[in-house]
Amino acid sequence: MASTIARILLEVHTWDAVPRVSMDEQAVVRPSQDEIDDESRRLRRLRILVQLTLETIGGGDLSLEDASRMIAETRNLALEMFPGKENAFDLLYRPKFQRMMHAVYRLQ
């Protein structure tokens, strides 16, 4: 019995048990040029949207509530363009909005 278990374990832990797949056989998913262009357009629009929002808030003509609502709407639009990227938005753009809000509205 021990020899049977040892033989099975040996077979499982040898390199021969791992199927070998060459690079040619692997399914490499590459985006098409249209997909790349579409993502570039969406990213450019997002950058413009964020910059316009920052400049509008920086003008100081909005109330605190309106500025907060504008940031929330910008985030919603960003997530419509890039679904599932909440963390990326929060890491990249939230600090910029927070700095602007602190500078304009003297928030603590």
N, C-alpha and C. Protein backbone atom coordinates (compact mmCIF):
# COMPACT_ATOMS: atom_id res chain seq x y z
N MET A 1 0.82 -1.18 0.00
CA MET A 1 0.00 0.00 0.00
C MET A 1 0.87 1.25 0.00
N ALA A 2 1.89 1.29 0.84
CA ALA A 2 2.76 2.45 0.90
C ALA A 2 3.47 2.65 -0.43
N SER A 3 3.84 1.56 -1.08
CA SER A 3 4.51 1.72 -2.37
C SER A 3 3.56 2.27 -3.42
N THR A 4 2.28 1.93 -3.35
CA THR A 4 1.29 2.46 -4.29
C THR A 4 1.10 3.95 -4.09
N ILE A 5 0.98 4.39 -2.85
CA ILE A 5 0.83 5.81 -2.54
C ILE A 5 2.07 6.57 -2.96
N ALA A 6 3.24 6.04 -2.67
CA ALA A 6 4.48 6.70 -3.06
C ALA A 6 4.58 6.82 -4.58
N ARG A 7 4.18 5.78 -5.29
CA ARG A 7 4.22 5.82 -6.76
C ARG A 7 3.27 6.88 -7.30
N ILE A 8 2.07 6.98 -6.73
CA ILE A 8 1.10 7.99 -7.17
C ILE A 8 1.63 9.39 -6.90
N LEU A 9 2.17 9.60 -5.71
CA LEU A 9 2.73 10.91 -5.37
C LEU A 9 3.89 11.26 -6.29
N LEU A 10 4.71 10.28 -6.60
CA LEU A 10 5.83 10.51 -7.49
C LEU A 10 5.35 10.92 -8.87
N GLU A 11 4.30 10.28 -9.35
CA GLU A 11 3.76 10.61 -10.67
C GLU A 11 3.16 12.02 -10.67
N VAL A 12 2.52 12.40 -9.59
CA VAL A 12 1.89 13.71 -9.52
C VAL A 12 2.95 14.81 -9.49
N HIS A 13 4.06 14.56 -8.83
CA HIS A 13 5.06 15.59 -8.63
C HIS A 13 6.19 15.57 -9.65
N THR A 14 6.05 14.84 -10.71
CA THR A 14 7.08 14.87 -11.75
C THR A 14 6.66 15.84 -12.84
N TRP A 15 7.64 16.34 -13.56
CA TRP A 15 7.35 17.28 -14.63
C TRP A 15 6.58 16.62 -15.77
N ASP A 16 6.67 15.32 -15.89
CA ASP A 16 5.96 14.64 -16.96
C ASP A 16 4.45 14.69 -16.77
N ALA A 17 4.02 14.94 -15.53
CA ALA A 17 2.59 15.01 -15.27
C ALA A 17 2.01 16.34 -15.74
N VAL A 18 2.85 17.34 -15.97
CA VAL A 18 2.39 18.65 -16.40
C VAL A 18 2.34 18.66 -17.92
N PRO A 19 1.18 18.99 -18.49
CA PRO A 19 1.12 19.03 -19.95
C PRO A 19 1.99 20.15 -20.48
N ARG A 20 2.72 19.85 -21.52
CA ARG A 20 3.61 20.85 -22.11
C ARG A 20 2.90 21.51 -23.28
N VAL A 21 2.89 22.83 -23.23
CA VAL A 21 2.22 23.60 -24.27
C VAL A 21 3.22 24.61 -24.80
N SER A 22 3.39 24.60 -26.09
CA SER A 22 4.31 25.57 -26.68
C SER A 22 3.62 26.92 -26.79
N MET A 23 4.40 27.96 -27.00
CA MET A 23 3.86 29.31 -27.12
C MET A 23 2.90 29.42 -28.30
N ASP A 24 3.14 28.63 -29.34
CA ASP A 24 2.28 28.68 -30.51
C ASP A 24 0.90 28.11 -30.21
N GLU A 25 0.85 27.16 -29.28
CA GLU A 25 -0.41 26.51 -28.97
C GLU A 25 -1.23 27.27 -27.95
N GLN A 26 -0.61 28.18 -27.20
CA GLN A 26 -1.35 28.93 -26.19
C GLN A 26 -2.25 29.94 -26.87
N ALA A 27 -3.42 30.13 -26.26
CA ALA A 27 -4.36 31.11 -26.80
C ALA A 27 -4.00 32.48 -26.23
N VAL A 28 -3.35 33.28 -27.04
CA VAL A 28 -2.98 34.62 -26.63
C VAL A 28 -4.04 35.56 -27.18
N VAL A 29 -4.74 36.23 -26.27
CA VAL A 29 -5.79 37.14 -26.68
C VAL A 29 -5.19 38.54 -26.82
N ARG A 30 -5.23 39.03 -28.02
CA ARG A 30 -4.72 40.36 -28.29
C ARG A 30 -5.87 41.22 -28.78
N PRO A 31 -5.96 42.45 -28.26
CA PRO A 31 -7.05 43.31 -28.72
C PRO A 31 -6.83 43.74 -30.16
N SER A 32 -7.94 43.96 -30.84
CA SER A 32 -7.86 44.44 -32.22
C SER A 32 -7.51 45.93 -32.20
N GLN A 33 -7.13 46.45 -33.34
CA GLN A 33 -6.79 47.87 -33.44
C GLN A 33 -8.01 48.74 -33.13
N ASP A 34 -9.20 48.28 -33.52
CA ASP A 34 -10.42 49.03 -33.21
C ASP A 34 -10.65 49.10 -31.70
N GLU A 35 -10.40 48.01 -31.01
CA GLU A 35 -10.56 48.00 -29.55
C GLU A 35 -9.54 48.93 -28.89
N ILE A 36 -8.33 48.93 -29.39
CA ILE A 36 -7.29 49.81 -28.85
C ILE A 36 -7.68 51.27 -29.09
N ASP A 37 -8.15 51.57 -30.30
CA ASP A 37 -8.56 52.94 -30.62
C ASP A 37 -9.74 53.38 -29.77
N ASP A 38 -10.69 52.48 -29.56
CA ASP A 38 -11.86 52.81 -28.74
C ASP A 38 -11.45 53.11 -27.30
N GLU A 39 -10.58 52.29 -26.75
CA GLU A 39 -10.13 52.52 -25.38
C GLU A 39 -9.34 53.82 -25.28
N SER A 40 -8.54 54.13 -26.29
CA SER A 40 -7.78 55.38 -26.30
C SER A 40 -8.72 56.58 -26.32
N ARG A 41 -9.78 56.50 -27.13
CA ARG A 41 -10.77 57.58 -27.17
C ARG A 41 -11.46 57.76 -25.83
N ARG A 42 -11.87 56.65 -25.22
CA ARG A 42 -12.55 56.74 -23.92
C ARG A 42 -11.62 57.31 -22.86
N LEU A 43 -10.37 56.92 -22.88
CA LEU A 43 -9.41 57.43 -21.91
C LEU A 43 -9.16 58.92 -22.11
N ARG A 44 -9.06 59.34 -23.35
CA ARG A 44 -8.87 60.77 -23.65
C ARG A 44 -10.08 61.57 -23.17
N ARG A 45 -11.28 61.06 -23.42
CA ARG A 45 -12.50 61.74 -22.95
C ARG A 45 -12.54 61.82 -21.43
N LEU A 46 -12.12 60.75 -20.78
CA LEU A 46 -12.11 60.76 -19.31
C LEU A 46 -11.13 61.80 -18.78
N ARG A 47 -9.96 61.88 -19.37
CA ARG A 47 -8.98 62.88 -18.93
C ARG A 47 -9.51 64.30 -19.11
N ILE A 48 -10.16 64.55 -20.23
CA ILE A 48 -10.74 65.87 -20.48
C ILE A 48 -11.85 66.15 -19.47
N LEU A 49 -12.70 65.17 -19.22
CA LEU A 49 -13.79 65.32 -18.25
C LEU A 49 -13.26 65.64 -16.86
N VAL A 50 -12.25 64.91 -16.43
CA VAL A 50 -11.67 65.14 -15.11
C VAL A 50 -11.04 66.53 -15.06
N GLN A 51 -10.32 66.93 -16.10
CA GLN A 51 -9.69 68.24 -16.11
C GLN A 51 -10.72 69.36 -16.08
N LEU A 52 -11.80 69.22 -16.85
CA LEU A 52 -12.86 70.23 -16.84
C LEU A 52 -13.53 70.32 -15.47
N THR A 53 -13.74 69.17 -14.85
CA THR A 53 -14.34 69.15 -13.52
C THR A 53 -13.43 69.85 -12.52
N LEU A 54 -12.14 69.55 -12.57
CA LEU A 54 -11.19 70.19 -11.66
C LEU A 54 -11.15 71.70 -11.87
N GLU A 55 -11.14 72.12 -13.13
CA GLU A 55 -11.09 73.55 -13.42
C GLU A 55 -12.37 74.26 -12.98
N THR A 56 -13.51 73.61 -13.17
CA THR A 56 -14.78 74.20 -12.75
C THR A 56 -14.83 74.37 -11.24
N ILE A 57 -14.42 73.33 -10.53
CA ILE A 57 -14.40 73.41 -9.06
C ILE A 57 -13.37 74.44 -8.62
N GLY A 58 -12.23 74.47 -9.29
CA GLY A 58 -11.17 75.42 -8.94
C GLY A 58 -11.58 76.86 -9.13
N GLY A 59 -12.56 77.11 -9.99
CA GLY A 59 -13.05 78.46 -10.19
C GLY A 59 -13.70 79.04 -8.95
N GLY A 60 -14.16 78.18 -8.06
CA GLY A 60 -14.74 78.63 -6.79
C GLY A 60 -16.16 79.15 -6.89
N ASP A 61 -16.81 78.98 -8.03
CA ASP A 61 -18.17 79.50 -8.20
C ASP A 61 -19.25 78.53 -7.76
N LEU A 62 -18.89 77.31 -7.43
CA LEU A 62 -19.87 76.29 -7.04
C LEU A 62 -19.97 76.21 -5.52
N SER A 63 -21.13 75.79 -5.06
CA SER A 63 -21.25 75.50 -3.63
C SER A 63 -20.57 74.16 -3.36
N LEU A 64 -20.31 73.89 -2.11
CA LEU A 64 -19.67 72.63 -1.73
C LEU A 64 -20.51 71.43 -2.19
N GLU A 65 -21.81 71.54 -2.04
CA GLU A 65 -22.71 70.44 -2.46
C GLU A 65 -22.66 70.23 -3.97
N ASP A 66 -22.68 71.34 -4.72
CA ASP A 66 -22.62 71.21 -6.18
C ASP A 66 -21.30 70.62 -6.64
N ALA A 67 -20.21 71.03 -6.00
CA ALA A 67 -18.90 70.48 -6.35
C ALA A 67 -18.84 68.98 -6.04
N SER A 68 -19.37 68.59 -4.90
CA SER A 68 -19.39 67.17 -4.52
C SER A 68 -20.24 66.36 -5.49
N ARG A 69 -21.38 66.95 -5.88
CA ARG A 69 -22.25 66.27 -6.84
C ARG A 69 -21.56 66.14 -8.20
N MET A 70 -20.82 67.17 -8.59
CA MET A 70 -20.09 67.13 -9.87
C MET A 70 -19.03 66.04 -9.86
N ILE A 71 -18.33 65.89 -8.75
CA ILE A 71 -17.32 64.82 -8.63
C ILE A 71 -18.00 63.45 -8.71
N ALA A 72 -19.12 63.31 -8.03
CA ALA A 72 -19.84 62.03 -8.06
C ALA A 72 -20.30 61.69 -9.48
N GLU A 73 -20.79 62.69 -10.20
CA GLU A 73 -21.23 62.46 -11.58
C GLU A 73 -20.05 62.13 -12.50
N THR A 74 -18.93 62.78 -12.26
CA THR A 74 -17.73 62.47 -13.04
C THR A 74 -17.32 61.02 -12.80
N ARG A 75 -17.37 60.59 -11.55
CA ARG A 75 -17.03 59.20 -11.23
C ARG A 75 -18.01 58.23 -11.90
N ASN A 76 -19.30 58.56 -11.86
CA ASN A 76 -20.30 57.70 -12.50
C ASN A 76 -20.06 57.59 -14.01
N LEU A 77 -19.76 58.70 -14.65
CA LEU A 77 -19.47 58.66 -16.08
C LEU A 77 -18.21 57.85 -16.37
N ALA A 78 -17.20 58.00 -15.52
CA ALA A 78 -15.97 57.23 -15.71
C ALA A 78 -16.25 55.74 -15.60
N LEU A 79 -17.11 55.36 -14.66
CA LEU A 79 -17.41 53.94 -14.49
C LEU A 79 -18.31 53.41 -15.60
N GLU A 80 -19.08 54.28 -16.24
CA GLU A 80 -19.84 53.86 -17.42
C GLU A 80 -18.88 53.58 -18.58
N MET A 81 -17.85 54.42 -18.69
CA MET A 81 -16.87 54.23 -19.77
C MET A 81 -15.96 53.04 -19.50
N PHE A 82 -15.62 52.83 -18.22
CA PHE A 82 -14.71 51.75 -17.81
C PHE A 82 -15.34 50.97 -16.66
N PRO A 83 -16.28 50.08 -16.97
CA PRO A 83 -16.96 49.33 -15.91
C PRO A 83 -15.98 48.48 -15.09
N GLY A 84 -16.22 48.44 -13.80
CA GLY A 84 -15.40 47.61 -12.92
C GLY A 84 -14.07 48.21 -12.53
N LYS A 85 -13.85 49.47 -12.84
CA LYS A 85 -12.57 50.11 -12.55
C LYS A 85 -12.69 51.13 -11.42
N GLU A 86 -13.52 50.82 -10.43
CA GLU A 86 -13.71 51.72 -9.30
C GLU A 86 -12.40 52.00 -8.58
N ASN A 87 -11.64 50.96 -8.33
CA ASN A 87 -10.38 51.13 -7.60
C ASN A 87 -9.40 51.99 -8.38
N ALA A 88 -9.35 51.81 -9.69
CA ALA A 88 -8.44 52.61 -10.51
C ALA A 88 -8.83 54.09 -10.44
N PHE A 89 -10.12 54.38 -10.53
CA PHE A 89 -10.57 55.76 -10.43
C PHE A 89 -10.20 56.34 -9.07
N ASP A 90 -10.47 55.56 -8.02
CA ASP A 90 -10.18 56.05 -6.67
C ASP A 90 -8.69 56.28 -6.44
N LEU A 91 -7.86 55.46 -7.02
CA LEU A 91 -6.41 55.62 -6.86
C LEU A 91 -5.86 56.79 -7.68
N LEU A 92 -6.40 56.97 -8.88
CA LEU A 92 -5.84 57.97 -9.79
C LEU A 92 -6.46 59.36 -9.61
N TYR A 93 -7.76 59.43 -9.48
CA TYR A 93 -8.43 60.72 -9.55
C TYR A 93 -8.95 61.25 -8.21
N ARG A 94 -9.31 60.38 -7.30
CA ARG A 94 -9.84 60.85 -6.02
C ARG A 94 -8.88 61.79 -5.31
N PRO A 95 -7.57 61.49 -5.25
CA PRO A 95 -6.65 62.43 -4.58
C PRO A 95 -6.64 63.81 -5.24
N LYS A 96 -6.76 63.87 -6.56
CA LYS A 96 -6.79 65.17 -7.24
C LYS A 96 -8.03 65.96 -6.84
N PHE A 97 -9.17 65.27 -6.81
CA PHE A 97 -10.40 65.94 -6.41
C PHE A 97 -10.34 66.36 -4.93
N GLN A 98 -9.78 65.52 -4.09
CA GLN A 98 -9.67 65.88 -2.68
C GLN A 98 -8.77 67.10 -2.49
N ARG A 99 -7.65 67.15 -3.18
CA ARG A 99 -6.76 68.31 -3.07
C ARG A 99 -7.47 69.58 -3.52
N MET A 100 -8.22 69.49 -4.60
CA MET A 100 -8.94 70.66 -5.10
C MET A 100 -10.01 71.10 -4.12
N MET A 101 -10.74 70.15 -3.56
CA MET A 101 -11.79 70.48 -2.59
C MET A 101 -11.17 71.12 -1.34
N HIS A 102 -10.05 70.60 -0.89
CA HIS A 102 -9.38 71.19 0.28
C HIS A 102 -8.88 72.60 -0.02
N ALA A 103 -8.38 72.80 -1.21
CA ALA A 103 -7.84 74.12 -1.57
C ALA A 103 -8.96 75.15 -1.72
N VAL A 104 -10.07 74.78 -2.34
CA VAL A 104 -11.13 75.75 -2.63
C VAL A 104 -12.03 75.96 -1.42
N TYR A 105 -12.40 74.88 -0.73
CA TYR A 105 -13.39 74.97 0.33
C TYR A 105 -12.79 74.88 1.72
N ARG A 106 -11.47 74.84 1.81
CA ARG A 106 -10.77 74.80 3.11
C ARG A 106 -11.29 73.69 4.01
N LEU A 107 -11.41 72.49 3.43
CA LEU A 107 -11.90 71.33 4.19
C LEU A 107 -10.78 70.75 5.04
N GLN A 108 -11.14 70.13 6.10
CA GLN A 108 -10.16 69.47 6.98
C GLN A 108 -10.16 67.99 6.72
